[in-house]
């Protein structure tokens, strides 16, 4: 059996996998989700200047919210339940909705704050808040996984509260 180590193009056979000392020592290269680039472009193209934000009709994001949104999607894409439907508020915040067979996760990014509102099988769960200024990828994904697992499977393996 041959494996290709992402980022190298080098084959890795089962017989040499235990002695391979290439890039895998620092962990596998993440494969970006298919939708991440498109969402990042939408966010980047939605940053409003002072003039646009003064008369914002829901088309523009504040620079702070856009920066936090880019960080959120980049850090959390692998843990999210799928491609989001995104829109903006008249105050320059970003709203993202992730729909699944078993419910919906709504995220609101205002400034550097992320507020998540999960609804599982029609039942609202406790709101969760995160500071995206101090968040790192690992902690954000670890916090999201119990929510998204329930939304993907419908099984309550973790307690979200309600």
Foldseek 3Di string as FASTA:
>chain_A
DWDQQPPPRDIDDPVCVVVDDPPCVVHGDDDADPCLVVVLVQLVVQDDDPVCLVQPPFRHAHPQQSVLVNLCCVLAVVQALDDWDWTGDSNRKIWTWDAAPFWIWIWIGDRQKIWIWTAGNNRTFDIDMDRSVPDGSVVSSVVRNQRSVCRHPVDNPDDRHD
